[in-house]
C-alpha atoms as a PDB file:
ATOM      1  CA  PHE A   1     220.175 199.526 258.027  1.00  0.00           C
ATOM      2  CA  LYS A   2     220.555 196.344 255.979  1.00  0.00           C
ATOM      3  CA  HIS A   3     216.946 195.525 255.214  1.00  0.00           C
ATOM      4  CA  ARG A   4     213.753 197.388 254.513  1.00  0.00           C
ATOM      5  CA  PRO A   5     211.846 197.631 257.858  1.00  0.00           C
ATOM      6  CA  ASN A   6     208.395 196.058 257.915  1.00  0.00           C
ATOM      7  CA  LEU A   7     205.226 197.914 258.863  1.00  0.00           C
ATOM      8  CA  LYS A   8     205.437 196.938 262.550  1.00  0.00           C
ATOM      9  CA  GLN A   9     209.037 198.212 262.851  1.00  0.00           C
ATOM     10  CA  ARG A  10     208.190 201.467 261.085  1.00  0.00           C
ATOM     11  CA  ARG A  11     205.258 202.094 263.332  1.00  0.00           C
ATOM     12  CA  ALA A  12     207.342 201.366 266.467  1.00  0.00           C
ATOM     13  CA  VAL A  13     210.090 203.796 265.378  1.00  0.00           C
ATOM     14  CA  SER A  14     207.569 206.420 264.303  1.00  0.00           C
ATOM     15  CA  GLU A  15     205.793 206.293 267.645  1.00  0.00           C
ATOM     16  CA  SER A  16     209.068 206.432 269.555  1.00  0.00           C
ATOM     17  CA  LEU A  17     210.408 209.453 267.657  1.00  0.00           C
ATOM     18  CA  SER A  18     207.075 211.154 266.943  1.00  0.00           C
ATOM     19  CA  LEU A  19     207.519 210.871 263.159  1.00  0.00           C
ATOM     20  CA  SER A  20     204.749 211.370 260.654  1.00  0.00           C
ATOM     21  CA  GLY A  21     203.515 208.530 258.423  1.00  0.00           C
ATOM     22  CA  GLY A  22     205.226 210.001 255.373  1.00  0.00           C
ATOM     23  CA  ASP A  23     208.673 210.118 256.873  1.00  0.00           C
ATOM     24  CA  LYS A  24     211.308 207.663 255.572  1.00  0.00           C
ATOM     25  CA  VAL A  25     212.211 205.776 258.767  1.00  0.00           C
ATOM     26  CA  GLN A  26     215.631 204.504 257.740  1.00  0.00           C
ATOM     27  CA  THR A  27     216.715 208.004 256.591  1.00  0.00           C
ATOM     28  CA  LYS A  28     215.442 209.527 259.815  1.00  0.00           C
ATOM     29  CA  VAL A  29     217.101 206.940 262.054  1.00  0.00           C
ATOM     30  CA  TRP A  30     220.454 207.435 260.244  1.00  0.00           C
ATOM     31  CA  SER A  31     220.239 211.246 260.534  1.00  0.00           C
ATOM     32  CA  ILE A  32     219.412 210.925 264.275  1.00  0.00           C
ATOM     33  CA  VAL A  33     222.415 208.597 264.816  1.00  0.00           C
ATOM     34  CA  ARG A  34     224.702 211.047 263.004  1.00  0.00           C
ATOM     35  CA  PHE A  35     223.389 214.030 264.978  1.00  0.00           C
ATOM     36  CA  ALA A  36     223.624 212.260 268.339  1.00  0.00           C
ATOM     37  CA  LEU A  37     227.182 211.072 267.716  1.00  0.00           C
ATOM     38  CA  THR A  38     228.300 214.514 266.461  1.00  0.00           C
ATOM     39  CA  VAL A  39     226.870 216.388 269.449  1.00  0.00           C
ATOM     40  CA  GLN A  40     228.261 213.901 271.978  1.00  0.00           C
ATOM     41  CA  LEU A  41     231.705 214.047 270.289  1.00  0.00           C
ATOM     42  CA  ILE A  42     231.731 217.884 270.425  1.00  0.00           C
ATOM     43  CA  GLY A  43     230.651 217.732 274.068  1.00  0.00           C
ATOM     44  CA  ALA A  44     233.432 215.293 274.907  1.00  0.00           C
ATOM     45  CA  ILE A  45     236.055 217.470 273.240  1.00  0.00           C
ATOM     46  CA  LEU A  46     234.936 220.509 275.168  1.00  0.00           C
ATOM     47  CA  LEU A  47     234.887 218.680 278.510  1.00  0.00           C
ATOM     48  CA  SER A  48     238.365 217.240 277.838  1.00  0.00           C
ATOM     49  CA  PHE A  49     239.859 220.749 278.212  1.00  0.00           C
ATOM     50  CA  VAL A  50     238.869 220.521 281.893  1.00  0.00           C
ATOM     51  CA  PHE A  51     238.968 216.780 282.659  1.00  0.00           C
ATOM     52  CA  ILE A  52     242.342 215.905 281.012  1.00  0.00           C
ATOM     53  CA  PRO A  53     244.323 218.480 283.064  1.00  0.00           C
ATOM     54  CA  GLU A  54     242.452 217.325 286.190  1.00  0.00           C
ATOM     55  CA  PHE A  55     242.453 213.534 285.807  1.00  0.00           C
ATOM     56  CA  GLY A  56     245.257 212.820 283.284  1.00  0.00           C
ATOM     57  CA  LEU A  57     245.066 211.847 279.632  1.00  0.00           C
ATOM     58  CA  GLY A  58     243.439 208.403 279.751  1.00  0.00           C
ATOM     59  CA  GLN A  59     240.983 208.977 282.575  1.00  0.00           C
ATOM     60  CA  GLY A  60     240.343 212.518 281.394  1.00  0.00           C
ATOM     61  CA  ILE A  61     239.240 211.288 277.921  1.00  0.00           C
ATOM     62  CA  TYR A  62     237.143 208.535 279.466  1.00  0.00           C
ATOM     63  CA  PHE A  63     235.418 210.989 281.828  1.00  0.00           C
ATOM     64  CA  SER A  64     234.843 213.440 278.991  1.00  0.00           C
ATOM     65  CA  PHE A  65     233.080 210.901 276.775  1.00  0.00           C
ATOM     66  CA  PHE A  66     231.123 209.334 279.639  1.00  0.00           C
ATOM     67  CA  HIS A  67     229.636 212.606 280.942  1.00  0.00           C
ATOM     68  CA  SER A  68     229.042 213.920 277.434  1.00  0.00           C
ATOM     69  CA  ILE A  69     226.895 210.865 276.610  1.00  0.00           C
ATOM     70  CA  SER A  70     225.271 210.864 280.046  1.00  0.00           C
ATOM     71  CA  ALA A  71     224.299 214.566 279.721  1.00  0.00           C
ATOM     72  CA  PHE A  72     223.032 214.313 276.099  1.00  0.00           C
ATOM     73  CA  CYS A  73     220.941 211.264 276.927  1.00  0.00           C
ATOM     74  CA  ASN A  74     219.594 213.018 280.040  1.00  0.00           C
ATOM     75  CA  ALA A  75     220.826 210.137 282.137  1.00  0.00           C
ATOM     76  CA  GLY A  76     222.533 212.043 284.915  1.00  0.00           C
ATOM     77  CA  PHE A  77     225.065 209.355 285.889  1.00  0.00           C
ATOM     78  CA  ASP A  78     228.493 210.681 286.860  1.00  0.00           C
ATOM     79  CA  LEU A  79     231.871 209.311 287.783  1.00  0.00           C
ATOM     80  CA  LEU A  80     232.852 212.296 289.908  1.00  0.00           C
ATOM     81  CA  GLY A  81     231.324 211.104 293.204  1.00  0.00           C
ATOM     82  CA  ASN A  82     229.066 214.077 293.940  1.00  0.00           C
ATOM     83  CA  SER A  83     227.850 215.063 290.475  1.00  0.00           C
ATOM     84  CA  LEU A  84     228.895 218.617 289.557  1.00  0.00           C
ATOM     85  CA  ILE A  85     228.902 220.146 293.069  1.00  0.00           C
ATOM     86  CA  ASN A  86     232.682 220.629 292.923  1.00  0.00           C
ATOM     87  CA  TYR A  87     232.334 222.600 289.646  1.00  0.00           C
ATOM     88  CA  GLN A  88     230.097 225.435 290.972  1.00  0.00           C
ATOM     89  CA  ASP A  89     232.949 227.813 290.319  1.00  0.00           C
ATOM     90  CA  GLN A  90     233.586 226.527 286.751  1.00  0.00           C
ATOM     91  CA  PRO A  91     230.865 227.993 284.515  1.00  0.00           C
ATOM     92  CA  PHE A  92     232.476 226.360 281.445  1.00  0.00           C
ATOM     93  CA  VAL A  93     231.701 222.855 282.695  1.00  0.00           C
ATOM     94  CA  LEU A  94     228.198 223.802 283.776  1.00  0.00           C
ATOM     95  CA  ILE A  95     227.390 225.495 280.465  1.00  0.00           C
ATOM     96  CA  VAL A  96     228.806 222.571 278.368  1.00  0.00           C
ATOM     97  CA  ILE A  97     226.761 219.993 280.386  1.00  0.00           C
ATOM     98  CA  ALA A  98     223.687 222.227 280.234  1.00  0.00           C
ATOM     99  CA  GLY A  99     224.102 222.554 276.495  1.00  0.00           C
ATOM    100  CA  LEU A 100     224.303 218.747 276.072  1.00  0.00           C
ATOM    101  CA  ILE A 101     221.191 218.353 278.252  1.00  0.00           C
ATOM    102  CA  MET A 102     219.304 220.924 276.171  1.00  0.00           C
ATOM    103  CA  ALA A 103     220.443 219.333 272.914  1.00  0.00           C
ATOM    104  CA  GLY A 104     219.082 215.950 273.982  1.00  0.00           C
ATOM    105  CA  GLY A 105     215.940 217.379 275.530  1.00  0.00           C
ATOM    106  CA  LEU A 106     214.789 219.415 272.527  1.00  0.00           C
ATOM    107  CA  GLY A 107     214.022 216.373 270.405  1.00  0.00           C
ATOM    108  CA  PHE A 108     215.365 215.281 267.005  1.00  0.00           C
ATOM    109  CA  ILE A 109     212.438 216.781 265.046  1.00  0.00           C
ATOM    110  CA  VAL A 110     213.214 220.270 266.370  1.00  0.00           C
ATOM    111  CA  TRP A 111     216.894 219.909 265.609  1.00  0.00           C
ATOM    112  CA  GLU A 112     216.156 218.716 262.105  1.00  0.00           C
ATOM    113  CA  ASP A 113     214.190 221.904 261.472  1.00  0.00           C
ATOM    114  CA  ILE A 114     216.953 224.090 263.005  1.00  0.00           C
ATOM    115  CA  ILE A 115     219.752 222.387 260.986  1.00  0.00           C
ATOM    116  CA  ASN A 116     217.824 222.499 257.699  1.00  0.00           C
ATOM    117  CA  TYR A 117     216.505 226.057 258.175  1.00  0.00           C
ATOM    118  CA  ARG A 118     219.201 227.600 255.918  1.00  0.00           C
ATOM    119  CA  LYS A 119     217.959 225.360 253.098  1.00  0.00           C
ATOM    120  CA  THR A 120     214.232 225.292 253.604  1.00  0.00           C
ATOM    121  CA  ARG A 121     213.639 228.629 255.386  1.00  0.00           C
ATOM    122  CA  LYS A 122     210.843 226.863 257.148  1.00  0.00           C
ATOM    123  CA  ILE A 123     210.226 225.635 260.723  1.00  0.00           C
ATOM    124  CA  ARG A 124     207.335 223.361 261.501  1.00  0.00           C
ATOM    125  CA  LYS A 125     204.611 224.661 263.826  1.00  0.00           C
ATOM    126  CA  TYR A 126     205.448 221.844 266.259  1.00  0.00           C
ATOM    127  CA  SER A 127     209.042 223.000 266.419  1.00  0.00           C
ATOM    128  CA  LYS A 128     207.981 226.658 266.930  1.00  0.00           C
ATOM    129  CA  ILE A 129     205.768 225.594 269.882  1.00  0.00           C
ATOM    130  CA  VAL A 130     208.467 223.427 271.443  1.00  0.00           C
ATOM    131  CA  LEU A 131     211.130 226.169 271.109  1.00  0.00           C
ATOM    132  CA  THR A 132     208.838 228.854 272.490  1.00  0.00           C
ATOM    133  CA  ALA A 133     207.666 226.783 275.460  1.00  0.00           C
ATOM    134  CA  THR A 134     211.148 225.381 276.212  1.00  0.00           C
ATOM    135  CA  ILE A 135     213.022 228.646 276.019  1.00  0.00           C
ATOM    136  CA  SER A 136     210.359 230.300 278.156  1.00  0.00           C
ATOM    137  CA  LEU A 137     210.817 227.606 280.834  1.00  0.00           C
ATOM    138  CA  TRP A 138     214.578 228.009 280.768  1.00  0.00           C
ATOM    139  CA  ILE A 139     214.353 231.783 281.138  1.00  0.00           C
ATOM    140  CA  LEU A 140     211.635 231.789 283.799  1.00  0.00           C
ATOM    141  CA  GLY A 141     213.367 229.042 285.724  1.00  0.00           C
ATOM    142  CA  THR A 142     216.617 230.958 285.776  1.00  0.00           C
ATOM    143  CA  ILE A 143     214.840 234.081 287.027  1.00  0.00           C
ATOM    144  CA  PHE A 144     212.901 232.206 289.724  1.00  0.00           C
ATOM    145  CA  PHE A 145     215.992 230.312 290.945  1.00  0.00           C
ATOM    146  CA  GLY A 146     218.051 233.520 290.846  1.00  0.00           C
ATOM    147  CA  ILE A 147     215.539 235.401 293.040  1.00  0.00           C
ATOM    148  CA  ALA A 148     215.032 232.512 295.500  1.00  0.00           C
ATOM    149  CA  GLU A 149     218.686 231.532 295.944  1.00  0.00           C
ATOM    150  CA  THR A 150     220.008 235.067 296.009  1.00  0.00           C
ATOM    151  CA  LYS A 151     217.687 235.704 298.940  1.00  0.00           C
ATOM    152  CA  ASN A 152     218.784 232.318 300.419  1.00  0.00           C
ATOM    153  CA  GLY A 153     222.495 233.166 299.920  1.00  0.00           C
ATOM    154  CA  THR A 154     223.185 229.702 298.428  1.00  0.00           C
ATOM    155  CA  PHE A 155     225.825 230.876 295.917  1.00  0.00           C
ATOM    156  CA  SER A 156     226.995 234.048 297.649  1.00  0.00           C
ATOM    157  CA  HIS A 157     230.569 232.834 297.655  1.00  0.00           C
ATOM    158  CA  LEU A 158     230.679 232.904 293.875  1.00  0.00           C
ATOM    159  CA  SER A 159     231.105 235.794 291.396  1.00  0.00           C
ATOM    160  CA  LEU A 160     228.083 237.239 289.556  1.00  0.00           C
ATOM    161  CA  PHE A 161     228.786 235.292 286.316  1.00  0.00           C
ATOM    162  CA  GLU A 162     229.320 232.064 288.263  1.00  0.00           C
ATOM    163  CA  GLN A 163     226.033 232.599 290.093  1.00  0.00           C
ATOM    164  CA  LEU A 164     224.179 233.175 286.812  1.00  0.00           C
ATOM    165  CA  ALA A 165     225.674 229.971 285.386  1.00  0.00           C
ATOM    166  CA  ASN A 166     224.492 228.037 288.479  1.00  0.00           C
ATOM    167  CA  PHE A 167     221.002 229.570 288.335  1.00  0.00           C
ATOM    168  CA  PHE A 168     220.736 228.623 284.661  1.00  0.00           C
ATOM    169  CA  PHE A 169     221.951 225.098 285.347  1.00  0.00           C
ATOM    170  CA  LEU A 170     219.312 224.731 288.128  1.00  0.00           C
ATOM    171  CA  SER A 171     216.710 225.602 285.506  1.00  0.00           C
ATOM    172  CA  VAL A 172     217.976 223.128 282.908  1.00  0.00           C
ATOM    173  CA  THR A 173     218.864 219.996 284.900  1.00  0.00           C
ATOM    174  CA  PRO A 174     215.375 219.218 286.343  1.00  0.00           C
ATOM    175  CA  ARG A 175     214.115 218.736 282.820  1.00  0.00           C
ATOM    176  CA  THR A 176     214.944 214.994 283.209  1.00  0.00           C
ATOM    177  CA  ALA A 177     218.785 215.345 283.327  1.00  0.00           C
ATOM    178  CA  GLY A 178     219.516 214.706 286.989  1.00  0.00           C
ATOM    179  CA  TYR A 179     222.960 216.393 287.311  1.00  0.00           C
ATOM    180  CA  ALA A 180     223.283 218.365 290.510  1.00  0.00           C
ATOM    181  CA  ASN A 181     225.393 221.474 291.024  1.00  0.00           C
ATOM    182  CA  ILE A 182     224.332 221.705 294.698  1.00  0.00           C
ATOM    183  CA  ASP A 183     223.004 219.428 297.460  1.00  0.00           C
ATOM    184  CA  TYR A 184     219.281 219.897 297.012  1.00  0.00           C
ATOM    185  CA  ALA A 185     218.741 219.688 300.801  1.00  0.00           C
ATOM    186  CA  ASN A 186     220.411 223.176 300.918  1.00  0.00           C
ATOM    187  CA  LEU A 187     217.981 224.817 298.437  1.00  0.00           C
ATOM    188  CA  SER A 188     215.115 227.002 299.544  1.00  0.00           C
ATOM    189  CA  LEU A 189     211.531 225.604 299.496  1.00  0.00           C
ATOM    190  CA  VAL A 190     210.708 227.897 296.567  1.00  0.00           C
ATOM    191  CA  SER A 191     213.514 226.325 294.521  1.00  0.00           C
ATOM    192  CA  ILE A 192     212.468 222.811 295.573  1.00  0.00           C
ATOM    193  CA  PHE A 193     208.905 223.498 294.460  1.00  0.00           C
ATOM    194  CA  MET A 194     210.143 224.958 291.178  1.00  0.00           C
ATOM    195  CA  THR A 195     212.340 221.909 290.629  1.00  0.00           C
ATOM    196  CA  ILE A 196     209.368 219.546 291.194  1.00  0.00           C
ATOM    197  CA  VAL A 197     207.274 221.501 288.670  1.00  0.00           C
ATOM    198  CA  LEU A 198     210.070 221.376 286.024  1.00  0.00           C
ATOM    199  CA  MET A 199     210.627 217.616 286.653  1.00  0.00           C
ATOM    200  CA  PHE A 200     206.947 216.952 286.088  1.00  0.00           C
ATOM    201  CA  ILE A 201     206.909 218.904 282.825  1.00  0.00           C
ATOM    202  CA  GLY A 202     210.084 217.278 281.449  1.00  0.00           C
ATOM    203  CA  ALA A 203     211.494 217.568 277.942  1.00  0.00           C
ATOM    204  CA  SER A 204     210.077 217.454 274.457  1.00  0.00           C
ATOM    205  CA  SER A 205     208.358 214.624 272.583  1.00  0.00           C
ATOM    206  CA  GLY A 206     210.743 212.447 270.574  1.00  0.00           C
ATOM    207  CA  SER A 207     213.673 213.496 272.749  1.00  0.00           C
ATOM    208  CA  THR A 208     215.955 211.654 275.241  1.00  0.00           C
ATOM    209  CA  GLY A 209     213.996 213.115 278.197  1.00  0.00           C
ATOM    210  CA  GLY A 210     210.894 212.170 280.170  1.00  0.00           C
ATOM    211  CA  GLY A 211     208.066 213.995 281.948  1.00  0.00           C
ATOM    212  CA  ILE A 212     204.638 214.837 280.548  1.00  0.00           C
ATOM    213  CA  LYS A 213     206.394 216.883 277.811  1.00  0.00           C
ATOM    214  CA  VAL A 214     206.321 220.611 277.116  1.00  0.00           C
ATOM    215  CA  THR A 215     203.787 220.223 274.279  1.00  0.00           C
ATOM    216  CA  THR A 216     201.315 218.591 276.740  1.00  0.00           C
ATOM    217  CA  LEU A 217     201.695 221.557 279.060  1.00  0.00           C
ATOM    218  CA  PHE A 218     201.392 223.979 276.145  1.00  0.00           C
ATOM    219  CA  VAL A 219     198.049 222.456 275.010  1.00  0.00           C
ATOM    220  CA  ILE A 220     196.626 222.492 278.516  1.00  0.00           C
ATOM    221  CA  VAL A 221     197.580 226.138 279.131  1.00  0.00           C
ATOM    222  CA  LEU A 222     196.277 227.171 275.679  1.00  0.00           C
ATOM    223  CA  VAL A 223     192.934 225.396 276.094  1.00  0.00           C
ATOM    224  CA  ILE A 224     192.427 226.892 279.591  1.00  0.00           C
ATOM    225  CA  TYR A 225     193.318 230.364 278.304  1.00  0.00           C
ATOM    226  CA  ARG A 226     191.170 230.093 275.200  1.00  0.00           C
ATOM    227  CA  SER A 227     188.234 228.693 277.176  1.00  0.00           C
ATOM    228  CA  MET A 228     188.193 231.759 279.343  1.00  0.00           C
ATOM    229  CA  ASN A 229     188.290 234.088 276.363  1.00  0.00           C
ATOM    230  CA  TYR A 230     187.199 232.613 273.040  1.00  0.00           C
ATOM    231  CA  ASN A 231     186.097 229.018 273.704  1.00  0.00           C
ATOM    232  CA  HIS A 232     188.350 227.542 271.024  1.00  0.00           C
ATOM    233  CA  SER A 233     191.928 226.220 270.842  1.00  0.00           C
ATOM    234  CA  ASN A 234     193.465 227.885 267.793  1.00  0.00           C
ATOM    235  CA  ILE A 235     197.173 228.548 267.484  1.00  0.00           C
ATOM    236  CA  MET A 236     199.194 229.729 264.440  1.00  0.00           C
ATOM    237  CA  ASN A 237     196.176 229.624 262.159  1.00  0.00           C
ATOM    238  CA  ARG A 238     195.494 226.038 263.138  1.00  0.00           C
ATOM    239  CA  LYS A 239     192.982 224.373 265.471  1.00  0.00           C
ATOM    240  CA  ILE A 240     194.254 221.754 267.907  1.00  0.00           C
ATOM    241  CA  SER A 241     192.270 218.514 267.537  1.00  0.00           C
ATOM    242  CA  GLN A 242     189.977 217.390 270.306  1.00  0.00           C
ATOM    243  CA  ASP A 243     191.850 214.096 270.449  1.00  0.00           C
ATOM    244  CA  THR A 244     195.098 215.976 271.201  1.00  0.00           C
ATOM    245  CA  VAL A 245     193.331 218.039 273.892  1.00  0.00           C
ATOM    246  CA  ARG A 246     191.916 214.883 275.506  1.00  0.00           C
ATOM    247  CA  ARG A 247     195.280 213.114 275.458  1.00  0.00           C
ATOM    248  CA  SER A 248     196.995 216.107 276.992  1.00  0.00           C
ATOM    249  CA  PHE A 249     194.538 216.411 279.866  1.00  0.00           C
ATOM    250  CA  PHE A 250     194.572 212.609 280.346  1.00  0.00           C
ATOM    251  CA  ILE A 251     198.396 212.538 280.558  1.00  0.00           C
ATOM    252  CA  PHE A 252     198.473 215.530 282.985  1.00  0.00           C
ATOM    253  CA  SER A 253     195.716 214.300 285.317  1.00  0.00           C
ATOM    254  CA  SER A 254     196.988 210.725 285.263  1.00  0.00           C
ATOM    255  CA  GLY A 255     200.518 211.899 286.142  1.00  0.00           C
ATOM    256  CA  ILE A 256     199.190 213.901 289.072  1.00  0.00           C
ATOM    257  CA  LEU A 257     197.053 210.997 290.236  1.00  0.00           C
ATOM    258  CA  ILE A 258     199.956 208.524 290.035  1.00  0.00           C
ATOM    259  CA  ALA A 259     202.341 210.923 291.894  1.00  0.00           C
ATOM    260  CA  THR A 260     199.699 211.575 294.605  1.00  0.00           C
ATOM    261  CA  THR A 261     199.104 207.832 295.161  1.00  0.00           C
ATOM    262  CA  ALA A 262     202.866 207.116 295.324  1.00  0.00           C
ATOM    263  CA  THR A 263     203.400 210.021 297.805  1.00  0.00           C
ATOM    264  CA  PHE A 264     200.577 208.744 300.006  1.00  0.00           C
ATOM    265  CA  ILE A 265     202.136 205.220 300.170  1.00  0.00           C
ATOM    266  CA  LEU A 266     205.615 206.614 300.866  1.00  0.00           C
ATOM    267  CA  LEU A 267     204.247 208.767 303.701  1.00  0.00           C
ATOM    268  CA  MET A 268     203.254 205.491 305.385  1.00  0.00           C
ATOM    269  CA  THR A 269     206.397 203.478 304.622  1.00  0.00           C
ATOM    270  CA  GLU A 270     209.268 206.022 304.812  1.00  0.00           C
ATOM    271  CA  THR A 271     210.697 208.131 307.605  1.00  0.00           C
ATOM    272  CA  ILE A 272     211.188 211.810 306.987  1.00  0.00           C
ATOM    273  CA  PRO A 273     214.271 213.148 308.875  1.00  0.00           C
ATOM    274  CA  GLU A 274     213.924 215.954 311.373  1.00  0.00           C
ATOM    275  CA  GLY A 275     214.102 219.333 309.733  1.00  0.00           C
ATOM    276  CA  PHE A 276     212.482 218.227 306.480  1.00  0.00           C
ATOM    277  CA  GLY A 277     208.817 218.198 305.391  1.00  0.00           C
ATOM    278  CA  ILE A 278     206.836 216.424 302.665  1.00  0.00           C
ATOM    279  CA  GLU A 279     209.104 217.977 300.065  1.00  0.00           C
ATOM    280  CA  TYR A 280     211.621 215.260 301.069  1.00  0.00           C
ATOM    281  CA  LEU A 281     209.287 212.657 299.491  1.00  0.00           C
ATOM    282  CA  LEU A 282     207.815 214.795 296.711  1.00  0.00           C
ATOM    283  CA  ILE A 283     211.105 215.501 295.047  1.00  0.00           C
ATOM    284  CA  GLU A 284     211.866 211.756 295.020  1.00  0.00           C
ATOM    285  CA  VAL A 285     208.448 210.877 293.550  1.00  0.00           C
ATOM    286  CA  PHE A 286     208.512 213.477 290.782  1.00  0.00           C
ATOM    287  CA  SER A 287     212.183 212.782 290.106  1.00  0.00           C
ATOM    288  CA  CYS A 288     211.377 209.100 289.414  1.00  0.00           C
ATOM    289  CA  LEU A 289     208.230 209.882 287.435  1.00  0.00           C
ATOM    290  CA  GLY A 290     210.134 212.344 285.286  1.00  0.00           C
ATOM    291  CA  THR A 291     213.164 209.979 285.050  1.00  0.00           C
ATOM    292  CA  VAL A 292     215.383 212.728 286.445  1.00  0.00           C
ATOM    293  CA  GLY A 293     217.421 211.275 289.312  1.00  0.00           C
ATOM    294  CA  LEU A 294     217.587 214.231 291.764  1.00  0.00           C
ATOM    295  CA  SER A 295     217.205 213.477 295.451  1.00  0.00           C
ATOM    296  CA  MET A 296     217.333 215.133 298.864  1.00  0.00           C
ATOM    297  CA  GLY A 297     218.869 211.995 300.397  1.00  0.00           C
ATOM    298  CA  LEU A 298     215.968 209.542 300.730  1.00  0.00           C
ATOM    299  CA  THR A 299     217.174 206.956 298.179  1.00  0.00           C
ATOM    300  CA  PRO A 300     219.820 205.101 300.270  1.00  0.00           C
ATOM    301  CA  SER A 301     217.408 204.613 303.203  1.00  0.00           C
ATOM    302  CA  LEU A 302     214.377 203.417 301.219  1.00  0.00           C
ATOM    303  CA  THR A 303     212.342 200.548 302.595  1.00  0.00           C
ATOM    304  CA  PHE A 304     211.565 197.525 300.358  1.00  0.00           C
ATOM    305  CA  ILE A 305     208.086 198.860 299.571  1.00  0.00           C
ATOM    306  CA  GLY A 306     209.569 202.318 298.916  1.00  0.00           C
ATOM    307  CA  LYS A 307     211.991 200.894 296.378  1.00  0.00           C
ATOM    308  CA  ILE A 308     209.212 199.035 294.556  1.00  0.00           C
ATOM    309  CA  ILE A 309     207.143 202.214 294.394  1.00  0.00           C
ATOM    310  CA  LEU A 310     210.018 204.225 292.981  1.00  0.00           C
ATOM    311  CA  ILE A 311     210.931 201.476 290.498  1.00  0.00           C
ATOM    312  CA  MET A 312     207.352 201.487 289.276  1.00  0.00           C
ATOM    313  CA  LEU A 313     207.433 205.247 288.924  1.00  0.00           C
ATOM    314  CA  MET A 314     210.600 205.117 286.845  1.00  0.00           C
ATOM    315  CA  LEU A 315     209.059 202.470 284.637  1.00  0.00           C
ATOM    316  CA  ILE A 316     205.924 204.551 284.105  1.00  0.00           C
ATOM    317  CA  GLY A 317     207.987 207.663 283.482  1.00  0.00           C
ATOM    318  CA  ARG A 318     210.100 205.958 280.880  1.00  0.00           C
ATOM    319  CA  VAL A 319     207.413 204.232 278.838  1.00  0.00           C
ATOM    320  CA  GLY A 320     204.927 207.070 279.290  1.00  0.00           C
ATOM    321  CA  VAL A 321     201.859 207.466 281.460  1.00  0.00           C
ATOM    322  CA  MET A 322     199.429 206.846 278.643  1.00  0.00           C
ATOM    323  CA  THR A 323     201.229 203.765 277.316  1.00  0.00           C
ATOM    324  CA  PHE A 324     201.477 202.293 280.789  1.00  0.00           C
ATOM    325  CA  LEU A 325     197.811 202.782 281.661  1.00  0.00           C
ATOM    326  CA  TRP A 326     196.639 201.510 278.262  1.00  0.00           C
ATOM    327  CA  SER A 327     198.673 198.367 278.748  1.00  0.00           C
ATOM    328  CA  LEU A 328     196.611 197.499 281.802  1.00  0.00           C
ATOM    329  CA  THR A 329     193.271 197.503 279.966  1.00  0.00           C
ATOM    330  CA  THR A 330     191.860 194.447 278.261  1.00  0.00           C
ATOM    331  CA  ARG A 331     189.432 196.355 276.024  1.00  0.00           C
ATOM    332  CA  THR A 332     190.319 196.047 272.364  1.00  0.00           C
ATOM    333  CA  HIS A 333     187.550 198.168 270.857  1.00  0.00           C
ATOM    334  CA  GLU A 334     185.258 200.966 271.805  1.00  0.00           C
ATOM    335  CA  THR A 335     181.597 200.370 272.556  1.00  0.00           C
ATOM    336  CA  SER A 336     179.166 201.159 269.754  1.00  0.00           C
ATOM    337  CA  ILE A 337     176.487 202.311 272.248  1.00  0.00           C
ATOM    338  CA  ASN A 338     176.001 206.093 272.436  1.00  0.00           C
ATOM    339  CA  TYR A 339     174.178 207.190 275.583  1.00  0.00           C
ATOM    340  CA  PRO A 340     172.263 210.527 275.974  1.00  0.00           C
ATOM    341  CA  GLU A 341     174.309 213.352 277.373  1.00  0.00           C
ATOM    342  CA  MET A 342     173.631 214.785 280.812  1.00  0.00           C
ATOM    343  CA  SER A 343     174.549 218.039 282.574  1.00  0.00           C
ATOM    344  CA  LEU A 344     176.628 217.838 285.737  1.00  0.00           C
ATOM    345  CA  LEU A 345     177.494 220.630 288.131  1.00  0.00           C
ATOM    346  CA  VAL A 346     181.285 221.075 288.361  1.00  0.00           C
ATOM    347  CA  GLY A 347     183.582 223.667 289.884  1.00  0.00           C
END
C-alpha cells in the first residue's frame, strides 16, 4: 500500500489471484480487502441475531465474527464443539454460513464482475463459465443429497424447509468449507461418494477455496464432449488454448494419482472400524487434498505415518497440485530436441 510493488511482487499477487498482466495490482488488492471485510462484517451481523441471544453479548459477538471469517475463508473451524450439527433445525444459520462459503468460494474476479455489472453491463467469459459450473454443482448436489438422504431418512425429524436447507448445505460445504451439519458417519454411501466428488472439484480459481477448481473440471468435460462430436474445444465464440487443456488434464490426473497413492498407504497403516469400508479413508484423503476438513472419525486415531500423509496432502492441496509437482523438478528449460511422432494403441 505504501510503495509501488516490484515486478516479482506483482507477478506473485497476479498468480495468486489469477489476475491478468494489465491489472493494477494495488488497486485490485485494495478492492479485494474492502470486499472481504464488508462480506465478513455483514455475515457477522446476521449471525449475531442468533449467537448473542444464545451465548450473551460478548461471547455472541465474538462467535459471530469468528464463524463469519471462518466460513468466508472456507476454513471450517468452529467454536461450537460439533460444528453446526446443533443447528439442523435453524435454516437461518445454515443459509448465512452457506452464503459466506459461496461468497469466498466464487473468487474475487467473479465478484468484481457481478458488483460492476450495473456500470459496465459486461461479464467476462471466465466469470460466466465459473457461475454456470458452480451454480450447476450447487443445484445438482442439492438434488442428489435430497434424493439420497430422503430415502435414508437422515433429516426426517425436520420440516420440509429445514430439510431443503440441510440438503443445500450438504451441497455447499464440501466445496472446501468443512462445516458439518451432520455426523458424516450417518450419511448414506451415495452422499459420501457425492461429498468426495465435490471435495475433489473444490472452488473457483482466485478464491479462498481449494480443490482442482471448477474451471479445470469445465475444460475437461468440454474437451471430452467436443472430442466425441466436433473434435475441437470452442466455447462462447472462443477456442480454449491447448496449454490450458494440457494443464487441466495434468491437474486432474495428478490429483487422482496423488489421492490413490495416499489411500494405498493409509490402507496399510490405518485401521478401519467395523461397519465401515474404504470410504472411511477416502473421505479423509480427499478432504485433506481439497483443504476441506470433513471426516468420518479417523483423524483422532491416525498413526504417525498417517498424520504425515495427511499433512502432505493438505500442503499439496493448499499450494496446488501443479505448483507442488513443479517444485520437485530440477529442469529449468525444455529440451530443444524434437523427436518423430509415433502412434500408440490406447483405450
